[in-house]
Amino acid sequence: MGLVKMRKKFHFKLFITLYIFWLLLTTNGNPPNILAGFLSSLLITRLSYGILYDEKGFIFHIPKPHIMIKYLITLFAEIYKSAIDHIVNILTNDYNPTIVEVNLDIEDPLLVTLIANSITLTPETITVEKEGNKLLVLYIKEDIYNEVEKEIKSNFESIFITKGRKN
């Protein structure tokens, strides 16, 4: 009974991933470093129960690599496009900061957080608050036609929604 209960609260794949990541990042093969990585990975895995995983497995789902590559390309393109727009807005004195509410269709907390951070990385916008799948975004210009929400949904959220399924 104790072993079964222990197994439910310990995610071995997460532990191995963390431990390998530790070893790759430190590139130090001395015994104290190997032990520190082992103990740290063990502790983080145990403390992550209920946050990253539960009895059923991971609570969130990591998008497939090709989706992440598409997301990163889109993110960098949006950062550069927005930076140019921001420079023009500053030079023309065209700004009137407003708070915009963005309601995402995606409910996966990892993806909502990823989109919220993408908004903050993009010049002219900052995610001020996140509650579930609703974001409050500070936008440097007045959003008369609700363009900010449309752009966020078409540029970022649409990447994670495939074939009628919300990733």
Protein backbone atom coordinates (compact mmCIF):
# COMPACT_ATOMS: atom_id res chain seq x y z
CA MET A 1 0.00 0.00 0.00
CA GLY A 2 2.78 2.44 0.91
CA LEU A 3 4.69 1.82 -2.35
CA VAL A 4 1.56 2.35 -4.47
CA LYS A 5 0.77 5.59 -2.63
CA MET A 6 4.40 6.74 -3.00
CA ARG A 7 4.34 5.96 -6.72
CA LYS A 8 1.22 8.07 -7.27
CA LYS A 9 2.89 11.09 -5.72
CA PHE A 10 6.23 10.70 -7.55
CA HIS A 11 6.63 11.31 -11.27
CA PHE A 12 9.73 9.37 -12.34
CA LYS A 13 9.92 10.92 -15.84
CA LEU A 14 9.94 14.42 -14.37
CA PHE A 15 12.69 13.41 -11.94
CA ILE A 16 14.86 11.95 -14.72
CA THR A 17 14.30 14.99 -16.95
CA LEU A 18 15.26 17.40 -14.17
CA TYR A 19 18.31 15.34 -13.22
CA ILE A 20 19.58 15.08 -16.82
CA PHE A 21 18.97 18.80 -17.29
CA TRP A 22 20.98 19.49 -14.12
CA LEU A 23 23.88 17.38 -15.35
CA LEU A 24 23.85 19.01 -18.79
CA LEU A 25 23.75 22.54 -17.40
CA THR A 26 26.43 22.09 -14.76
CA THR A 27 28.78 19.86 -16.82
CA ASN A 28 30.51 19.05 -13.57
CA GLY A 29 31.05 15.35 -12.85
CA ASN A 30 32.38 15.59 -9.30
CA PRO A 31 30.48 13.55 -6.67
CA PRO A 32 29.12 16.51 -4.64
CA ASN A 33 27.61 18.04 -7.82
CA ILE A 34 26.06 14.72 -8.88
CA LEU A 35 24.59 14.27 -5.39
CA ALA A 36 23.32 17.88 -5.26
CA GLY A 37 21.61 17.41 -8.64
CA PHE A 38 20.07 14.13 -7.53
CA LEU A 39 18.74 15.59 -4.28
CA SER A 40 17.52 18.82 -5.93
CA SER A 41 15.72 16.91 -8.68
CA LEU A 42 14.18 14.58 -6.10
CA LEU A 43 12.99 17.49 -3.93
CA ILE A 44 11.58 19.49 -6.87
CA THR A 45 9.76 16.41 -8.20
CA ARG A 46 8.18 15.73 -4.80
CA LEU A 47 7.19 19.38 -4.28
CA SER A 48 5.70 19.60 -7.80
CA TYR A 49 2.93 17.13 -7.00
CA GLY A 50 -0.39 18.88 -7.48
CA ILE A 51 1.26 21.74 -9.36
CA LEU A 52 2.88 20.06 -12.38
CA TYR A 53 1.41 16.57 -12.10
CA ASP A 54 -1.13 14.48 -10.23
CA GLU A 55 -2.19 10.80 -10.18
CA LYS A 56 -3.28 11.02 -13.84
CA GLY A 57 0.00 12.50 -15.11
CA PHE A 58 1.01 16.02 -16.09
CA ILE A 59 -1.60 18.69 -15.43
CA PHE A 60 -0.63 20.62 -18.55
CA HIS A 61 0.39 19.44 -21.99
CA ILE A 62 3.51 20.72 -23.71
CA PRO A 63 2.82 21.61 -27.37
CA LYS A 64 4.49 19.55 -30.09
CA PRO A 65 7.90 20.76 -31.35
CA HIS A 66 6.62 21.96 -34.74
CA ILE A 67 3.97 24.07 -32.98
CA MET A 68 6.61 25.57 -30.68
CA ILE A 69 8.84 26.40 -33.67
CA LYS A 70 5.90 28.13 -35.39
CA TYR A 71 5.17 29.99 -32.14
CA LEU A 72 8.79 31.19 -31.77
CA ILE A 73 8.95 32.40 -35.38
CA THR A 74 5.67 34.27 -34.89
CA LEU A 75 6.87 35.72 -31.58
CA PHE A 76 10.10 37.09 -33.06
CA ALA A 77 8.25 38.51 -36.08
CA GLU A 78 5.71 40.21 -33.80
CA ILE A 79 8.45 41.64 -31.57
CA TYR A 80 10.19 43.25 -34.55
CA LYS A 81 6.95 44.45 -36.18
CA SER A 82 5.72 45.93 -32.92
CA ALA A 83 9.08 47.58 -32.21
CA ILE A 84 8.93 49.42 -35.54
CA ASP A 85 5.32 50.48 -34.88
CA HIS A 86 6.34 51.65 -31.41
CA ILE A 87 9.15 53.82 -32.79
CA VAL A 88 6.73 55.42 -35.26
CA ASN A 89 4.18 56.03 -32.48
CA ILE A 90 6.79 57.73 -30.32
CA LEU A 91 8.07 59.91 -33.18
CA THR A 92 4.54 60.96 -34.16
CA ASN A 93 3.43 61.39 -30.55
CA ASP A 94 0.60 58.93 -31.17
CA TYR A 95 -0.07 57.17 -27.90
CA ASN A 96 -2.88 57.02 -25.36
CA PRO A 97 -2.37 54.05 -22.99
CA THR A 98 -5.46 51.96 -22.27
CA ILE A 99 -6.26 48.70 -20.52
CA VAL A 100 -7.74 46.05 -22.81
CA GLU A 101 -9.47 42.86 -21.70
CA VAL A 102 -8.53 39.79 -23.75
CA ASN A 103 -10.62 36.64 -23.34
CA LEU A 104 -8.75 33.63 -24.67
CA ASP A 105 -10.48 30.48 -25.84
CA ILE A 106 -7.58 28.35 -24.60
CA GLU A 107 -7.93 27.14 -21.01
CA ASP A 108 -4.61 25.31 -20.55
CA PRO A 109 -2.78 27.35 -17.86
CA LEU A 110 0.62 26.76 -19.50
CA LEU A 111 -0.54 28.10 -22.87
CA VAL A 112 -2.38 31.06 -21.33
CA THR A 113 0.79 31.96 -19.42
CA LEU A 114 2.88 31.54 -22.57
CA ILE A 115 0.56 33.92 -24.46
CA ALA A 116 0.56 36.39 -21.54
CA ASN A 117 4.36 36.42 -21.51
CA SER A 118 4.44 36.83 -25.30
CA ILE A 119 2.27 39.92 -24.95
CA THR A 120 4.67 41.38 -22.42
CA LEU A 121 7.70 40.61 -24.62
CA THR A 122 6.10 42.49 -27.51
CA PRO A 123 6.67 46.27 -27.43
CA GLU A 124 3.53 48.40 -26.95
CA THR A 125 1.80 45.79 -24.76
CA ILE A 126 2.16 44.50 -21.22
CA THR A 127 0.06 41.83 -19.54
CA VAL A 128 -1.04 43.44 -16.29
CA GLU A 129 -3.17 40.63 -14.86
CA LYS A 130 -4.12 37.04 -15.62
CA GLU A 131 -7.19 35.37 -14.19
CA GLY A 132 -7.95 31.98 -15.71
CA ASN A 133 -8.01 32.58 -19.45
CA LYS A 134 -8.80 36.30 -19.16
CA LEU A 135 -5.92 38.76 -19.55
CA LEU A 136 -5.77 42.47 -18.83
CA VAL A 137 -3.33 44.09 -21.24
CA LEU A 138 -1.89 47.59 -21.12
CA TYR A 139 -1.75 48.88 -24.71
CA ILE A 140 0.11 52.06 -25.63
CA LYS A 141 -2.62 53.31 -27.97
CA GLU A 142 -6.36 53.59 -27.68
CA ASP A 143 -8.01 50.36 -28.82
CA ILE A 144 -11.18 51.68 -30.44
CA TYR A 145 -11.97 48.68 -32.65
CA ASN A 146 -10.84 45.94 -30.25
CA GLU A 147 -7.85 45.23 -32.50
CA VAL A 148 -5.56 44.11 -29.68
CA GLU A 149 -7.70 41.10 -28.78
CA LYS A 150 -8.11 40.16 -32.46
CA GLU A 151 -4.35 40.37 -33.08
CA ILE A 152 -3.46 38.36 -29.98
CA LYS A 153 -5.97 35.66 -30.90
CA SER A 154 -4.89 35.50 -34.55
CA ASN A 155 -1.14 35.78 -33.94
CA PHE A 156 -0.60 33.72 -30.79
CA GLU A 157 -3.69 31.79 -29.71
CA SER A 158 -4.43 30.43 -33.20
CA ILE A 159 -1.06 28.65 -33.21
CA PHE A 160 -2.10 26.48 -30.28
CA ILE A 161 -5.59 25.67 -31.56
CA THR A 162 -5.33 22.92 -34.18
CA LYS A 163 -8.10 21.09 -36.03
CA GLY A 164 -10.85 22.30 -33.73
CA ARG A 165 -8.92 21.22 -30.67
CA LYS A 166 -7.57 23.54 -28.00
CA ASN A 167 -4.09 22.32 -27.08
